[in-house]
C-alpha cells in the first residue's frame, strides 16, 4: 500500500490545476487518479486499526500519539475526496479548505506520527524514561490544539474564505480568531 500511495501520489499533480482551464479529458483522468490514492490509503488505515483489534493496547504516550495520527490522517484523507471531485474543487480551490486539508495530511500525518515515534524510541536511545503522565498531557494538548487550529479552516473554506488574504469580511472573524 505504501508503494501504491507513492506511485499514485506521483501521478496526481494535475488535481492542483483543475481551475486552470485544462482539457475535460485531462481533468477526468487526474480526478480518477486522485480518487485512486484513497484505496491504498484506506488499506493502510484499516491495517493499522486491524493490528490493534483484540490486541493488548496500552494507552501510553506513544499509543496516544499513534491514535491521534490515525484520526488526523483519516480526516485529511477524507477531505481530499472533496478536492479530487471536479465539481467541489471548483468551489474549494484556493480556499482555507485546501490549507486545512494540507495540514491534516502533512502535519497530522507526519509531525504527530514523528512525535509518537520519538516518545517510543526516546527511552531506548537515551536510557532514560520520560514522565508518561506529562507525555499523555502533551499529546492531548497537541491533538486539541491542532484540531482547534485547522477544523475552523475547513468551515472557512466551505464558506468561501480564500487563502493568502490578510483581510476578510467580519462574518469570518470568529473562526479566524478560533483558528489563530
Protein backbone atom coordinates (compact mmCIF):
# COMPACT_ATOMS: atom_id res chain seq x y z
CA UNK A 1 0.00 0.00 0.00
CA UNK A 2 2.83 2.42 0.79
CA UNK A 3 4.36 1.89 -2.64
CA UNK A 4 0.96 2.33 -4.29
CA UNK A 5 0.41 5.59 -2.38
CA UNK A 6 3.82 6.83 -3.54
CA UNK A 7 3.17 5.86 -7.17
CA UNK A 8 -0.32 7.34 -7.32
CA UNK A 9 0.83 10.39 -5.36
CA UNK A 10 3.44 11.00 -8.05
CA UNK A 11 0.76 10.91 -10.76
CA UNK A 12 -1.94 13.15 -9.27
CA UNK A 13 -0.22 16.54 -9.59
CA UNK A 14 -2.84 17.68 -12.10
CA UNK A 15 -5.56 17.96 -9.48
CA UNK A 16 -3.85 21.19 -8.38
CA UNK A 17 -4.71 22.68 -11.77
CA UNK A 18 -8.40 21.83 -12.21
CA UNK A 19 -9.31 25.53 -12.38
CA UNK A 20 -6.58 26.42 -14.88
CA UNK A 21 -8.60 25.50 -17.95
CA UNK A 22 -7.13 22.11 -18.76
CA UNK A 23 -8.98 19.81 -21.16
CA UNK A 24 -12.01 17.92 -19.89
CA UNK A 25 -10.44 14.51 -20.53
CA UNK A 26 -7.32 15.53 -18.60
CA UNK A 27 -9.34 16.69 -15.59
CA UNK A 28 -11.28 13.41 -15.58
CA UNK A 29 -8.06 11.37 -15.68
CA UNK A 30 -6.46 13.37 -12.85
CA UNK A 31 -9.68 13.21 -10.83
CA UNK A 32 -9.79 9.42 -11.21
CA UNK A 33 -6.12 9.11 -10.24
CA UNK A 34 -6.72 11.32 -7.21
CA UNK A 35 -9.58 9.10 -6.06
CA UNK A 36 -7.42 6.03 -6.65
CA UNK A 37 -4.96 7.20 -3.95
CA UNK A 38 -7.72 6.68 -1.40
CA UNK A 39 -7.74 2.90 -1.93
CA UNK A 40 -4.22 2.11 -0.65
CA UNK A 41 -4.60 4.86 1.96
CA UNK A 42 -7.75 3.22 3.30
CA UNK A 43 -5.97 -0.14 3.29
CA UNK A 44 -3.26 1.39 5.47
CA UNK A 45 -5.78 2.84 7.95
CA UNK A 46 -7.72 -0.43 8.21
CA UNK A 47 -4.42 -2.30 8.57
CA UNK A 48 -3.40 -0.06 11.49
CA UNK A 49 -6.80 -0.46 13.14
CA UNK A 50 -6.85 -4.21 12.45
CA UNK A 51 -3.44 -4.56 14.06
CA UNK A 52 -4.86 -3.11 17.27
CA UNK A 53 -8.09 -5.13 17.13
CA UNK A 54 -8.26 -7.59 20.05
CA UNK A 55 -4.68 -6.74 20.91
CA UNK A 56 -3.28 -5.66 24.22
CA UNK A 57 -3.26 -1.91 23.64
CA UNK A 58 -1.52 0.11 26.33
CA UNK A 59 -2.70 3.72 26.27
CA UNK A 60 0.73 5.18 26.94
CA UNK A 61 2.16 8.30 25.32
CA UNK A 62 3.34 6.73 22.02
CA UNK A 63 -0.02 4.97 21.54
CA UNK A 64 -1.98 8.16 22.22
CA UNK A 65 0.11 9.89 19.54
CA UNK A 66 -0.43 6.93 17.20
CA UNK A 67 -4.21 7.08 17.68
CA UNK A 68 -4.16 10.85 17.13
CA UNK A 69 -2.14 10.28 13.96
CA UNK A 70 -4.66 7.76 12.60
CA UNK A 71 -7.55 10.14 13.30
CA UNK A 72 -5.84 13.18 11.76
CA UNK A 73 -4.59 11.23 8.73
CA UNK A 74 -8.11 9.87 8.16
CA UNK A 75 -9.66 13.34 8.30
CA UNK A 76 -7.01 14.57 5.87
CA UNK A 77 -7.73 11.70 3.50
CA UNK A 78 -11.50 12.06 3.63
CA UNK A 79 -11.33 15.79 2.94
CA UNK A 80 -9.07 15.05 -0.02
CA UNK A 81 -12.02 13.39 -1.72
CA UNK A 82 -13.77 16.77 -1.92
CA UNK A 83 -10.71 18.24 -3.62
CA UNK A 84 -10.45 15.33 -6.04
CA UNK A 85 -14.01 15.81 -7.27
CA UNK A 86 -14.16 18.35 -10.08
CA UNK A 87 -17.46 19.89 -9.02
CA UNK A 88 -16.48 20.63 -5.42
CA UNK A 89 -12.85 21.52 -6.19
CA UNK A 90 -14.03 24.42 -8.35
CA UNK A 91 -15.56 26.00 -5.23
CA UNK A 92 -12.93 24.91 -2.70
CA UNK A 93 -9.87 25.65 -4.84
CA UNK A 94 -7.58 28.27 -3.27
CA UNK A 95 -9.64 28.49 -0.07
CA UNK A 96 -8.84 27.74 3.54
CA UNK A 97 -10.28 24.27 2.98
CA UNK A 98 -7.15 23.41 0.99
CA UNK A 99 -4.94 24.82 3.76
CA UNK A 100 -6.69 22.69 6.38
CA UNK A 101 -6.58 19.57 4.19
CA UNK A 102 -2.86 20.02 3.54
CA UNK A 103 -2.08 20.42 7.23
CA UNK A 104 -4.16 17.41 8.27
CA UNK A 105 -2.36 15.20 5.75
CA UNK A 106 1.16 16.57 6.01
CA UNK A 107 1.40 17.75 9.62
CA UNK A 108 -1.20 15.47 11.20
CA UNK A 109 0.21 12.59 9.19
CA UNK A 110 3.88 13.41 9.70
CA UNK A 111 4.57 15.51 12.78
CA UNK A 112 2.16 13.69 15.10
CA UNK A 113 3.48 10.30 13.96
CA UNK A 114 7.04 11.57 14.41
CA UNK A 115 6.27 12.70 17.96
CA UNK A 116 4.78 9.27 18.73
CA UNK A 117 7.89 7.60 17.37
CA UNK A 118 10.11 9.96 19.33
CA UNK A 119 8.28 9.15 22.57
CA UNK A 120 8.54 5.43 21.77
CA UNK A 121 12.25 5.42 20.96
CA UNK A 122 13.46 8.11 23.41
CA UNK A 123 13.94 5.72 26.36
CA UNK A 124 15.68 3.24 24.06
CA UNK A 125 18.03 5.91 22.67
CA UNK A 126 18.85 7.69 25.92
CA UNK A 127 18.30 5.04 28.59
CA UNK A 128 16.07 7.50 30.47
CA UNK A 129 12.30 7.19 30.82
CA UNK A 130 10.07 10.23 30.47
CA UNK A 131 7.07 11.04 32.66
CA UNK A 132 4.20 9.21 30.94
CA UNK A 133 1.52 11.42 32.51
CA UNK A 134 3.22 14.55 31.17
CA UNK A 135 3.63 12.82 27.80
CA UNK A 136 -0.08 11.96 27.60
CA UNK A 137 -0.90 15.54 28.60
CA UNK A 138 1.38 16.84 25.81
CA UNK A 139 -0.31 14.51 23.29
CA UNK A 140 -3.72 15.82 24.37
CA UNK A 141 -2.57 19.43 24.01
CA UNK A 142 -1.13 18.74 20.55
CA UNK A 143 -4.32 16.96 19.45
CA UNK A 144 -6.73 19.59 20.76
CA UNK A 145 -4.55 22.48 19.60
CA UNK A 146 -4.14 21.01 16.12
CA UNK A 147 -7.87 20.49 15.68
CA UNK A 148 -8.68 23.89 17.18
CA UNK A 149 -6.36 25.46 14.63
CA UNK A 150 -7.39 23.63 11.48
CA UNK A 151 -11.04 22.45 11.86
CA UNK A 152 -12.30 26.06 11.66
CA UNK A 153 -10.38 26.43 8.41
CA UNK A 154 -12.49 23.70 6.80
CA UNK A 155 -15.57 25.73 7.71
CA UNK A 156 -13.98 28.96 6.48
CA UNK A 157 -13.07 27.32 3.18
CA UNK A 158 -16.55 25.95 2.58
CA UNK A 159 -17.92 29.44 3.24
CA UNK A 160 -15.62 30.89 0.60
CA UNK A 161 -12.70 32.37 2.57
CA UNK A 162 -9.77 32.48 0.14
CA UNK A 163 -6.29 31.69 1.37
CA UNK A 164 -3.43 34.21 1.33
CA UNK A 165 -5.66 37.14 2.27
CA UNK A 166 -4.69 39.38 5.17
CA UNK A 167 -8.13 40.95 5.50
CA UNK A 168 -11.54 39.33 5.46
CA UNK A 169 -15.21 40.11 5.99
CA UNK A 170 -16.49 40.35 9.54
CA UNK A 171 -18.51 37.12 9.32
CA UNK A 172 -15.20 35.17 9.25
CA UNK A 173 -13.66 36.92 12.28
CA UNK A 174 -14.81 34.48 14.97
CA UNK A 175 -13.50 31.42 13.10
CA UNK A 176 -10.22 33.20 12.31
CA UNK A 177 -9.76 34.08 15.98
CA UNK A 178 -10.52 30.49 16.99
CA UNK A 179 -8.01 29.19 14.45
CA UNK A 180 -5.40 31.72 15.49
